[in-house]
Every structure is written in structure tokens, then in C-alpha cells.
Amino acid sequence: MTKSILRRTDLTLLAATAGIIIMSLIIIGSATHINTPSDERYWFVARQGIFALVNIAVAAFLMNFDYKLLQGIWQ
């Protein structure tokens, strides 16, 4: 099963997406850490990182979900 998942996955697209996520976290961190007077300087980075992890989990689930199972429900 693991080979079929890796065979269907576009690794270039995954690498580009990971790069965009990392760069966005760096940009958000550098833009907001000075403007925050509290101890939670990287609150926006942590929040954005959590949303990124949730979205990666949803994407991984949808990538492996057999949508043909829904065919029996809707007919």
C-alpha cells in the first residue's frame, strides 16, 4: 500500500508546498514578532503552523480516501 501511495504522489508538488508553508511561517514571524508587546511574540506563527498541520492532515486523508465508497450511499 505504501508503494502505491508514493507512486501516486507528486513529490515536486509536495516539496513546493512545504517550501511555501515554511517561507510563509518565516515571513509571518518576522513581520509580527516586533509588534507584539506580550510574551507571546510568535502567537501568529504558532496559529498559522497549527492550521497548516490540520490542512496537511485533511489533504492526506482526502488523498487516501476511496471516494467510491460514497457511491453506495448516494444511490
PDB file of N, CA and C in Angstrom:
ATOM      1  N   MET A   1       0.812  -1.188   0.000  1.00  0.00           N
ATOM      2  CA  MET A   1       0.000   0.000   0.000  1.00  0.00           C
ATOM      3  C   MET A   1       0.861   1.259   0.000  1.00  0.00           C
ATOM      4  N   THR A   2       1.985   1.242   0.711  1.00  0.00           N
ATOM      5  CA  THR A   2       2.843   2.413   0.783  1.00  0.00           C
ATOM      6  C   THR A   2       3.437   2.748  -0.584  1.00  0.00           C
ATOM      7  N   LYS A   3       3.811   1.734  -1.342  1.00  0.00           N
ATOM      8  CA  LYS A   3       4.371   1.997  -2.663  1.00  0.00           C
ATOM      9  C   LYS A   3       3.348   2.642  -3.582  1.00  0.00           C
ATOM     10  N   SER A   4       2.099   2.225  -3.500  1.00  0.00           N
ATOM     11  CA  SER A   4       1.091   2.806  -4.372  1.00  0.00           C
ATOM     12  C   SER A   4       0.803   4.258  -3.995  1.00  0.00           C
ATOM     13  N   ILE A   5       0.868   4.582  -2.700  1.00  0.00           N
ATOM     14  CA  ILE A   5       0.672   5.971  -2.280  1.00  0.00           C
ATOM     15  C   ILE A   5       1.827   6.829  -2.778  1.00  0.00           C
ATOM     16  N   LEU A   6       3.052   6.348  -2.629  1.00  0.00           N
ATOM     17  CA  LEU A   6       4.193   7.124  -3.106  1.00  0.00           C
ATOM     18  C   LEU A   6       4.227   7.215  -4.625  1.00  0.00           C
ATOM     19  N   ARG A   7       3.744   6.208  -5.282  1.00  0.00           N
ATOM     20  CA  ARG A   7       3.726   6.218  -6.737  1.00  0.00           C
ATOM     21  C   ARG A   7       2.717   7.239  -7.262  1.00  0.00           C
ATOM     22  N   ARG A   8       1.610   7.429  -6.540  1.00  0.00           N
ATOM     23  CA  ARG A   8       0.584   8.369  -6.970  1.00  0.00           C
ATOM     24  C   ARG A   8       0.866   9.803  -6.553  1.00  0.00           C
ATOM     25  N   THR A   9       1.850  10.004  -5.692  1.00  0.00           N
ATOM     26  CA  THR A   9       2.115  11.325  -5.138  1.00  0.00           C
ATOM     27  C   THR A   9       3.116  12.085  -5.999  1.00  0.00           C
ATOM     28  N   ASP A  10       2.799  13.336  -6.246  1.00  0.00           N
ATOM     29  CA  ASP A  10       3.705  14.215  -6.974  1.00  0.00           C
ATOM     30  C   ASP A  10       4.658  14.855  -5.965  1.00  0.00           C
ATOM     31  N   LEU A  11       5.874  14.347  -5.892  1.00  0.00           N
ATOM     32  CA  LEU A  11       6.827  14.809  -4.880  1.00  0.00           C
ATOM     33  C   LEU A  11       7.284  16.238  -5.123  1.00  0.00           C
ATOM     34  N   THR A  12       7.328  16.659  -6.368  1.00  0.00           N
ATOM     35  CA  THR A  12       7.700  18.044  -6.662  1.00  0.00           C
ATOM     36  C   THR A  12       6.655  19.003  -6.109  1.00  0.00           C
ATOM     37  N   LEU A  13       5.392  18.662  -6.264  1.00  0.00           N
ATOM     38  CA  LEU A  13       4.314  19.492  -5.731  1.00  0.00           C
ATOM     39  C   LEU A  13       4.348  19.519  -4.207  1.00  0.00           C
ATOM     40  N   LEU A  14       4.625  18.379  -3.588  1.00  0.00           N
ATOM     41  CA  LEU A  14       4.737  18.346  -2.126  1.00  0.00           C
ATOM     42  C   LEU A  14       5.907  19.181  -1.627  1.00  0.00           C
ATOM     43  N   ALA A  15       7.038  19.121  -2.312  1.00  0.00           N
ATOM     44  CA  ALA A  15       8.201  19.918  -1.917  1.00  0.00           C
ATOM     45  C   ALA A  15       7.921  21.409  -2.080  1.00  0.00           C
ATOM     46  N   ALA A  16       7.257  21.784  -3.171  1.00  0.00           N
ATOM     47  CA  ALA A  16       6.918  23.192  -3.381  1.00  0.00           C
ATOM     48  C   ALA A  16       5.937  23.681  -2.312  1.00  0.00           C
ATOM     49  N   THR A  17       4.973  22.847  -1.960  1.00  0.00           N
ATOM     50  CA  THR A  17       4.005  23.213  -0.927  1.00  0.00           C
ATOM     51  C   THR A  17       4.681  23.357   0.431  1.00  0.00           C
ATOM     52  N   ALA A  18       5.570  22.446   0.760  1.00  0.00           N
ATOM     53  CA  ALA A  18       6.310  22.539   2.025  1.00  0.00           C
ATOM     54  C   ALA A  18       7.162  23.797   2.058  1.00  0.00           C
ATOM     55  N   GLY A  19       7.786  24.128   0.936  1.00  0.00           N
ATOM     56  CA  GLY A  19       8.588  25.352   0.864  1.00  0.00           C
ATOM     57  C   GLY A  19       7.750  26.591   1.064  1.00  0.00           C
ATOM     58  N   ILE A  20       6.565  26.624   0.463  1.00  0.00           N
ATOM     59  CA  ILE A  20       5.677  27.780   0.633  1.00  0.00           C
ATOM     60  C   ILE A  20       5.215  27.900   2.078  1.00  0.00           C
ATOM     61  N   ILE A  21       4.896  26.783   2.712  1.00  0.00           N
ATOM     62  CA  ILE A  21       4.467  26.817   4.113  1.00  0.00           C
ATOM     63  C   ILE A  21       5.593  27.327   5.005  1.00  0.00           C
ATOM     64  N   ILE A  22       6.797  26.823   4.801  1.00  0.00           N
ATOM     65  CA  ILE A  22       7.938  27.246   5.626  1.00  0.00           C
ATOM     66  C   ILE A  22       8.239  28.716   5.415  1.00  0.00           C
ATOM     67  N   MET A  23       8.240  29.161   4.165  1.00  0.00           N
ATOM     68  CA  MET A  23       8.517  30.576   3.890  1.00  0.00           C
ATOM     69  C   MET A  23       7.424  31.482   4.463  1.00  0.00           C
ATOM     70  N   SER A  24       6.171  31.039   4.408  1.00  0.00           N
ATOM     71  CA  SER A  24       5.100  31.866   4.966  1.00  0.00           C
ATOM     72  C   SER A  24       5.225  31.976   6.478  1.00  0.00           C
ATOM     73  N   LEU A  25       5.624  30.898   7.150  1.00  0.00           N
ATOM     74  CA  LEU A  25       5.831  30.969   8.597  1.00  0.00           C
ATOM     75  C   LEU A  25       6.977  31.906   8.952  1.00  0.00           C
ATOM     76  N   ILE A  26       8.038  31.880   8.157  1.00  0.00           N
ATOM     77  CA  ILE A  26       9.167  32.789   8.397  1.00  0.00           C
ATOM     78  C   ILE A  26       8.743  34.244   8.185  1.00  0.00           C
ATOM     79  N   ILE A  27       7.994  34.501   7.131  1.00  0.00           N
ATOM     80  CA  ILE A  27       7.560  35.865   6.841  1.00  0.00           C
ATOM     81  C   ILE A  27       6.599  36.371   7.916  1.00  0.00           C
ATOM     82  N   ILE A  28       5.651  35.538   8.315  1.00  0.00           N
ATOM     83  CA  ILE A  28       4.719  35.953   9.370  1.00  0.00           C
ATOM     84  C   ILE A  28       5.464  36.203  10.673  1.00  0.00           C
ATOM     85  N   GLY A  29       6.424  35.350  10.985  1.00  0.00           N
ATOM     86  CA  GLY A  29       7.207  35.531  12.207  1.00  0.00           C
ATOM     87  C   GLY A  29       8.034  36.794  12.196  1.00  0.00           C
ATOM     88  N   SER A  30       8.664  37.084  11.073  1.00  0.00           N
ATOM     89  CA  SER A  30       9.498  38.290  11.017  1.00  0.00           C
ATOM     90  C   SER A  30       8.668  39.557  10.960  1.00  0.00           C
ATOM     91  N   ALA A  31       7.444  39.473  10.451  1.00  0.00           N
ATOM     92  CA  ALA A  31       6.601  40.665  10.352  1.00  0.00           C
ATOM     93  C   ALA A  31       5.866  40.977  11.645  1.00  0.00           C
ATOM     94  N   THR A  32       5.621  39.992  12.488  1.00  0.00           N
ATOM     95  CA  THR A  32       4.774  40.225  13.653  1.00  0.00           C
ATOM     96  C   THR A  32       5.479  40.123  14.999  1.00  0.00           C
ATOM     97  N   HIS A  33       6.695  39.615  15.068  1.00  0.00           N
ATOM     98  CA  HIS A  33       7.285  39.400  16.394  1.00  0.00           C
ATOM     99  C   HIS A  33       7.690  40.702  17.079  1.00  0.00           C
ATOM    100  N   ILE A  34       7.961  41.751  16.360  1.00  0.00           N
ATOM    101  CA  ILE A  34       8.348  43.022  16.971  1.00  0.00           C
ATOM    102  C   ILE A  34       7.124  43.807  17.421  1.00  0.00           C
ATOM    103  N   ASN A  35       6.025  43.696  16.708  1.00  0.00           N
ATOM    104  CA  ASN A  35       4.825  44.466  17.001  1.00  0.00           C
ATOM    105  C   ASN A  35       4.019  43.933  18.177  1.00  0.00           C
ATOM    106  N   THR A  36       4.361  42.774  18.677  1.00  0.00           N
ATOM    107  CA  THR A  36       3.601  42.167  19.768  1.00  0.00           C
ATOM    108  C   THR A  36       4.302  42.462  21.092  1.00  0.00           C
ATOM    109  N   PRO A  37       3.649  43.242  21.973  1.00  0.00           N
ATOM    110  CA  PRO A  37       4.310  43.607  23.235  1.00  0.00           C
ATOM    111  C   PRO A  37       4.304  42.509  24.288  1.00  0.00           C
ATOM    112  N   SER A  38       3.500  41.484  24.141  1.00  0.00           N
ATOM    113  CA  SER A  38       3.401  40.453  25.173  1.00  0.00           C
ATOM    114  C   SER A  38       4.494  39.395  25.008  1.00  0.00           C
ATOM    115  N   ASP A  39       4.430  38.393  25.866  1.00  0.00           N
ATOM    116  CA  ASP A  39       5.400  37.295  25.810  1.00  0.00           C
ATOM    117  C   ASP A  39       5.115  36.350  24.658  1.00  0.00           C
ATOM    118  N   GLU A  40       3.909  36.398  24.143  1.00  0.00           N
ATOM    119  CA  GLU A  40       3.517  35.533  23.036  1.00  0.00           C
ATOM    120  C   GLU A  40       3.894  36.178  21.700  1.00  0.00           C
ATOM    121  N   ARG A  41       5.163  36.336  21.468  1.00  0.00           N
ATOM    122  CA  ARG A  41       5.620  37.009  20.247  1.00  0.00           C
ATOM    123  C   ARG A  41       5.322  36.220  18.990  1.00  0.00           C
ATOM    124  N   TYR A  42       5.325  34.921  19.087  1.00  0.00           N
ATOM    125  CA  TYR A  42       5.144  34.078  17.911  1.00  0.00           C
ATOM    126  C   TYR A  42       3.782  33.393  17.916  1.00  0.00           C
ATOM    127  N   TRP A  43       2.780  34.072  18.486  1.00  0.00           N
ATOM    128  CA  TRP A  43       1.436  33.510  18.542  1.00  0.00           C
ATOM    129  C   TRP A  43       0.866  33.324  17.132  1.00  0.00           C
ATOM    130  N   PHE A  44       1.079  34.308  16.263  1.00  0.00           N
ATOM    131  CA  PHE A  44       0.574  34.205  14.895  1.00  0.00           C
ATOM    132  C   PHE A  44       1.256  33.062  14.135  1.00  0.00           C
ATOM    133  N   VAL A  45       2.537  32.868  14.381  1.00  0.00           N
ATOM    134  CA  VAL A  45       3.274  31.782  13.724  1.00  0.00           C
ATOM    135  C   VAL A  45       2.760  30.430  14.217  1.00  0.00           C
ATOM    136  N   ALA A  46       2.550  30.324  15.518  1.00  0.00           N
ATOM    137  CA  ALA A  46       2.036  29.061  16.071  1.00  0.00           C
ATOM    138  C   ALA A  46       0.639  28.769  15.531  1.00  0.00           C
ATOM    139  N   ARG A  47      -0.207  29.795  15.472  1.00  0.00           N
ATOM    140  CA  ARG A  47      -1.568  29.593  14.962  1.00  0.00           C
ATOM    141  C   ARG A  47      -1.547  29.185  13.495  1.00  0.00           C
ATOM    142  N   GLN A  48      -0.722  29.858  12.699  1.00  0.00           N
ATOM    143  CA  GLN A  48      -0.621  29.518  11.281  1.00  0.00           C
ATOM    144  C   GLN A  48      -0.035  28.114  11.098  1.00  0.00           C
ATOM    145  N   GLY A  49       0.925  27.746  11.942  1.00  0.00           N
ATOM    146  CA  GLY A  49       1.504  26.409  11.878  1.00  0.00           C
ATOM    147  C   GLY A  49       0.494  25.323  12.222  1.00  0.00           C
ATOM    148  N   ILE A  50      -0.358  25.603  13.196  1.00  0.00           N
ATOM    149  CA  ILE A  50      -1.406  24.638  13.558  1.00  0.00           C
ATOM    150  C   ILE A  50      -2.377  24.468  12.399  1.00  0.00           C
ATOM    151  N   PHE A  51      -2.782  25.575  11.790  1.00  0.00           N
ATOM    152  CA  PHE A  51      -3.680  25.481  10.634  1.00  0.00           C
ATOM    153  C   PHE A  51      -3.019  24.729   9.484  1.00  0.00           C
ATOM    154  N   ALA A  52      -1.732  24.922   9.291  1.00  0.00           N
ATOM    155  CA  ALA A  52      -1.020  24.211   8.229  1.00  0.00           C
ATOM    156  C   ALA A  52      -1.003  22.711   8.507  1.00  0.00           C
ATOM    157  N   LEU A  53      -0.761  22.325   9.755  1.00  0.00           N
ATOM    158  CA  LEU A  53      -0.757  20.899  10.105  1.00  0.00           C
ATOM    159  C   LEU A  53      -2.134  20.270   9.939  1.00  0.00           C
ATOM    160  N   VAL A  54      -3.178  21.003  10.327  1.00  0.00           N
ATOM    161  CA  VAL A  54      -4.544  20.489  10.155  1.00  0.00           C
ATOM    162  C   VAL A  54      -4.845  20.314   8.676  1.00  0.00           C
ATOM    163  N   ASN A  55      -4.453  21.288   7.862  1.00  0.00           N
ATOM    164  CA  ASN A  55      -4.706  21.192   6.423  1.00  0.00           C
ATOM    165  C   ASN A  55      -3.911  20.058   5.781  1.00  0.00           C
ATOM    166  N   ILE A  56      -2.702  19.818   6.245  1.00  0.00           N
ATOM    167  CA  ILE A  56      -1.909  18.702   5.727  1.00  0.00           C
ATOM    168  C   ILE A  56      -2.574  17.377   6.088  1.00  0.00           C
ATOM    169  N   ALA A  57      -3.096  17.292   7.310  1.00  0.00           N
ATOM    170  CA  ALA A  57      -3.790  16.067   7.722  1.00  0.00           C
ATOM    171  C   ALA A  57      -5.048  15.840   6.888  1.00  0.00           C
ATOM    172  N   VAL A  58      -5.808  16.901   6.627  1.00  0.00           N
ATOM    173  CA  VAL A  58      -7.012  16.768   5.797  1.00  0.00           C
ATOM    174  C   VAL A  58      -6.635  16.366   4.379  1.00  0.00           C
ATOM    175  N   ALA A  59      -5.589  16.979   3.838  1.00  0.00           N
ATOM    176  CA  ALA A  59      -5.152  16.638   2.487  1.00  0.00           C
ATOM    177  C   ALA A  59      -4.680  15.191   2.405  1.00  0.00           C
ATOM    178  N   ALA A  60      -3.962  14.714   3.422  1.00  0.00           N
ATOM    179  CA  ALA A  60      -3.502  13.322   3.435  1.00  0.00           C
ATOM    180  C   ALA A  60      -4.692  12.363   3.511  1.00  0.00           C
ATOM    181  N   PHE A  61      -5.694  12.729   4.316  1.00  0.00           N
ATOM    182  CA  PHE A  61      -6.884  11.889   4.396  1.00  0.00           C
ATOM    183  C   PHE A  61      -7.610  11.836   3.058  1.00  0.00           C
ATOM    184  N   LEU A  62      -7.809  12.990   2.447  1.00  0.00           N
ATOM    185  CA  LEU A  62      -8.520  13.030   1.174  1.00  0.00           C
ATOM    186  C   LEU A  62      -7.732  12.355   0.058  1.00  0.00           C
ATOM    187  N   MET A  63      -6.425  12.384   0.151  1.00  0.00           N
ATOM    188  CA  MET A  63      -5.598  11.737  -0.860  1.00  0.00           C
ATOM    189  C   MET A  63      -5.732  10.212  -0.790  1.00  0.00           C
ATOM    190  N   ASN A  64      -5.978   9.688   0.395  1.00  0.00           N
ATOM    191  CA  ASN A  64      -6.070   8.242   0.584  1.00  0.00           C
ATOM    192  C   ASN A  64      -7.505   7.735   0.699  1.00  0.00           C
ATOM    193  N   PHE A  65      -8.471   8.631   0.653  1.00  0.00           N
ATOM    194  CA  PHE A  65      -9.872   8.251   0.816  1.00  0.00           C
ATOM    195  C   PHE A  65     -10.403   7.650  -0.482  1.00  0.00           C
ATOM    196  N   ASP A  66     -11.074   6.529  -0.362  1.00  0.00           N
ATOM    197  CA  ASP A  66     -11.674   5.885  -1.524  1.00  0.00           C
ATOM    198  C   ASP A  66     -13.061   6.491  -1.722  1.00  0.00           C
ATOM    199  N   TYR A  67     -13.170   7.399  -2.664  1.00  0.00           N
ATOM    200  CA  TYR A  67     -14.419   8.116  -2.881  1.00  0.00           C
ATOM    201  C   TYR A  67     -15.506   7.226  -3.460  1.00  0.00           C
ATOM    202  N   LYS A  68     -15.152   6.053  -3.942  1.00  0.00           N
ATOM    203  CA  LYS A  68     -16.161   5.132  -4.476  1.00  0.00           C
ATOM    204  C   LYS A  68     -17.045   4.559  -3.370  1.00  0.00           C
ATOM    205  N   LEU A  69     -16.609   4.668  -2.131  1.00  0.00           N
ATOM    206  CA  LEU A  69     -17.453   4.258  -1.007  1.00  0.00           C
ATOM    207  C   LEU A  69     -18.698   5.133  -0.897  1.00  0.00           C
ATOM    208  N   LEU A  70     -18.586   6.371  -1.309  1.00  0.00           N
ATOM    209  CA  LEU A  70     -19.717   7.288  -1.253  1.00  0.00           C
ATOM    210  C   LEU A  70     -20.769   6.971  -2.308  1.00  0.00           C
ATOM    211  N   GLN A  71     -20.393   6.253  -3.334  1.00  0.00           N
ATOM    212  CA  GLN A  71     -21.303   5.927  -4.420  1.00  0.00           C
ATOM    213  C   GLN A  71     -22.477   5.099  -3.897  1.00  0.00           C
ATOM    214  N   GLY A  72     -22.209   4.177  -2.995  1.00  0.00           N
ATOM    215  CA  GLY A  72     -23.279   3.350  -2.432  1.00  0.00           C
ATOM    216  C   GLY A  72     -24.211   4.135  -1.543  1.00  0.00           C
ATOM    217  N   ILE A  73     -23.705   5.173  -0.904  1.00  0.00           N
ATOM    218  CA  ILE A  73     -24.537   5.975  -0.011  1.00  0.00           C
ATOM    219  C   ILE A  73     -25.498   6.853  -0.812  1.00  0.00           C
ATOM    220  N   TRP A  74     -25.028   7.442  -1.901  1.00  0.00           N
ATOM    221  CA  TRP A  74     -25.821   8.422  -2.632  1.00  0.00           C
ATOM    222  C   TRP A  74     -26.733   7.802  -3.691  1.00  0.00           C
ATOM    223  N   GLN A  75     -26.674   6.515  -3.887  1.00  0.00           N
ATOM    224  CA  GLN A  75     -27.559   5.896  -4.874  1.00  0.00           C
ATOM    225  C   GLN A  75     -28.710   5.200  -4.229  1.00  0.00           C
TER     226      GLN A  75
END
